[in-house]
Amino acid sequence: MVKLIALYKTPENKESFDDHYFGTHTEVTKKIPGLRKMEVTKIVGSPMGESKYYLLCEMYYDDHESLKAGMKSAEGKASGKDLMSFAGELVTLMIGEEVNE
């Protein structure tokens, strides 16, 4: 499986961020064609103490082609536009492949 990973830095206003992220953004993102699973993790710290990161979202697709098609879809474009409107300066996006040992 292929993952689109979104890593968010801690926002200035966590409550406002959470309201938009969980109330609007995840609902738009869940509609992207080809998305198999979405897992959201709140970052609560690091082994060294506090973390500058707040949230991690992993979005699973069957393969790179499914991910690309999802991102090109109307729903994918809507999710990207929404993301940039509220978290453009906070988010880092990465693509990964699961490694099964």
Protein backbone atom coordinates (compact mmCIF):
# COMPACT_ATOMS: atom_id res chain seq x y z
CA MET A 1 0.00 0.00 0.00
CA VAL A 2 0.96 3.60 -0.57
CA LYS A 3 0.36 6.34 1.97
CA LEU A 4 -0.06 10.07 1.65
CA ILE A 5 1.19 11.37 4.99
CA ALA A 6 0.32 14.81 6.36
CA LEU A 7 2.36 16.03 9.32
CA TYR A 8 1.11 19.21 11.00
CA LYS A 9 3.05 21.59 13.22
CA THR A 10 1.28 22.83 16.33
CA PRO A 11 -1.20 25.58 15.40
CA GLU A 12 -1.52 28.81 17.39
CA ASN A 13 -5.18 28.10 18.10
CA LYS A 14 -5.64 24.35 18.63
CA GLU A 15 -9.39 24.59 19.21
CA SER A 16 -10.02 26.45 15.95
CA PHE A 17 -7.73 24.07 14.07
CA ASP A 18 -9.48 21.00 15.50
CA ASP A 19 -12.92 22.42 14.70
CA HIS A 20 -12.00 22.88 11.05
CA TYR A 21 -9.87 19.76 10.69
CA PHE A 22 -12.34 17.31 12.21
CA GLY A 23 -15.52 19.18 11.26
CA THR A 24 -14.71 20.05 7.65
CA HIS A 25 -11.39 18.81 6.31
CA THR A 26 -11.63 15.13 7.20
CA GLU A 27 -15.16 14.97 5.80
CA VAL A 28 -13.96 16.34 2.44
CA THR A 29 -10.89 14.09 2.43
CA LYS A 30 -12.83 10.90 3.20
CA LYS A 31 -14.67 11.34 -0.13
CA ILE A 32 -11.50 11.08 -2.27
CA PRO A 33 -11.86 8.16 -4.71
CA GLY A 34 -9.45 5.31 -4.03
CA LEU A 35 -8.84 6.22 -0.38
CA ARG A 36 -8.89 2.89 1.50
CA LYS A 37 -8.26 4.05 5.05
CA MET A 38 -7.45 7.24 6.94
CA GLU A 39 -5.76 7.22 10.35
CA VAL A 40 -5.28 10.39 12.40
CA THR A 41 -2.86 10.54 15.35
CA LYS A 42 -2.54 13.42 17.82
CA ILE A 43 1.08 13.96 18.77
CA VAL A 44 1.40 14.18 22.56
CA GLY A 45 5.16 14.55 22.90
CA SER A 46 8.50 13.01 22.04
CA PRO A 47 11.08 11.00 23.97
CA MET A 48 12.84 14.32 24.60
CA GLY A 49 9.69 16.04 25.92
CA GLU A 50 7.53 18.40 23.91
CA SER A 51 7.13 18.15 20.15
CA LYS A 52 6.65 20.92 17.60
CA TYR A 53 4.22 18.60 15.81
CA TYR A 54 0.53 18.36 16.58
CA LEU A 55 -1.13 15.90 14.23
CA LEU A 56 -0.27 13.11 11.80
CA CYS A 57 -2.67 11.80 9.17
CA GLU A 58 -1.98 8.68 7.09
CA MET A 59 -4.15 8.16 4.02
CA TYR A 60 -3.85 4.71 2.44
CA TYR A 61 -4.18 3.87 -1.26
CA ASP A 62 -3.68 0.59 -3.14
CA ASP A 63 -0.83 1.97 -5.27
CA HIS A 64 0.73 5.14 -6.68
CA GLU A 65 -1.74 5.24 -9.57
CA SER A 66 -4.70 5.20 -7.17
CA LEU A 67 -3.13 8.01 -5.15
CA LYS A 68 -2.48 10.11 -8.27
CA ALA A 69 -6.01 9.54 -9.56
CA GLY A 70 -7.47 10.48 -6.18
CA MET A 71 -5.46 13.69 -6.02
CA LYS A 72 -6.59 14.65 -9.55
CA SER A 73 -10.27 14.04 -8.75
CA ALA A 74 -12.67 16.86 -7.86
CA GLU A 75 -12.70 15.58 -4.26
CA GLY A 76 -8.90 15.48 -4.13
CA LYS A 77 -8.66 19.02 -5.45
CA ALA A 78 -11.27 20.21 -2.94
CA SER A 79 -9.31 18.59 -0.10
CA GLY A 80 -6.07 20.21 -1.24
CA LYS A 81 -7.69 23.62 -1.60
CA ASP A 82 -9.21 23.33 1.86
CA LEU A 83 -5.89 22.18 3.34
CA MET A 84 -4.04 25.19 1.97
CA SER A 85 -6.75 27.56 3.23
CA PHE A 86 -6.38 26.61 6.88
CA ALA A 87 -3.05 24.80 7.30
CA GLY A 88 -0.83 25.64 4.34
CA GLU A 89 1.96 26.93 6.59
CA LEU A 90 1.61 24.10 9.11
CA VAL A 91 1.58 20.97 6.96
CA THR A 92 4.28 18.84 5.37
CA LEU A 93 3.07 16.23 2.87
CA MET A 94 4.98 13.02 2.12
CA ILE A 95 4.35 9.85 0.12
CA GLY A 96 5.45 6.51 1.56
CA GLU A 97 5.25 2.83 0.76
CA GLU A 98 4.53 0.23 3.42
CA VAL A 99 7.37 -2.18 4.00
CA ASN A 100 6.37 -5.66 5.09
CA GLU A 101 9.18 -7.57 6.72
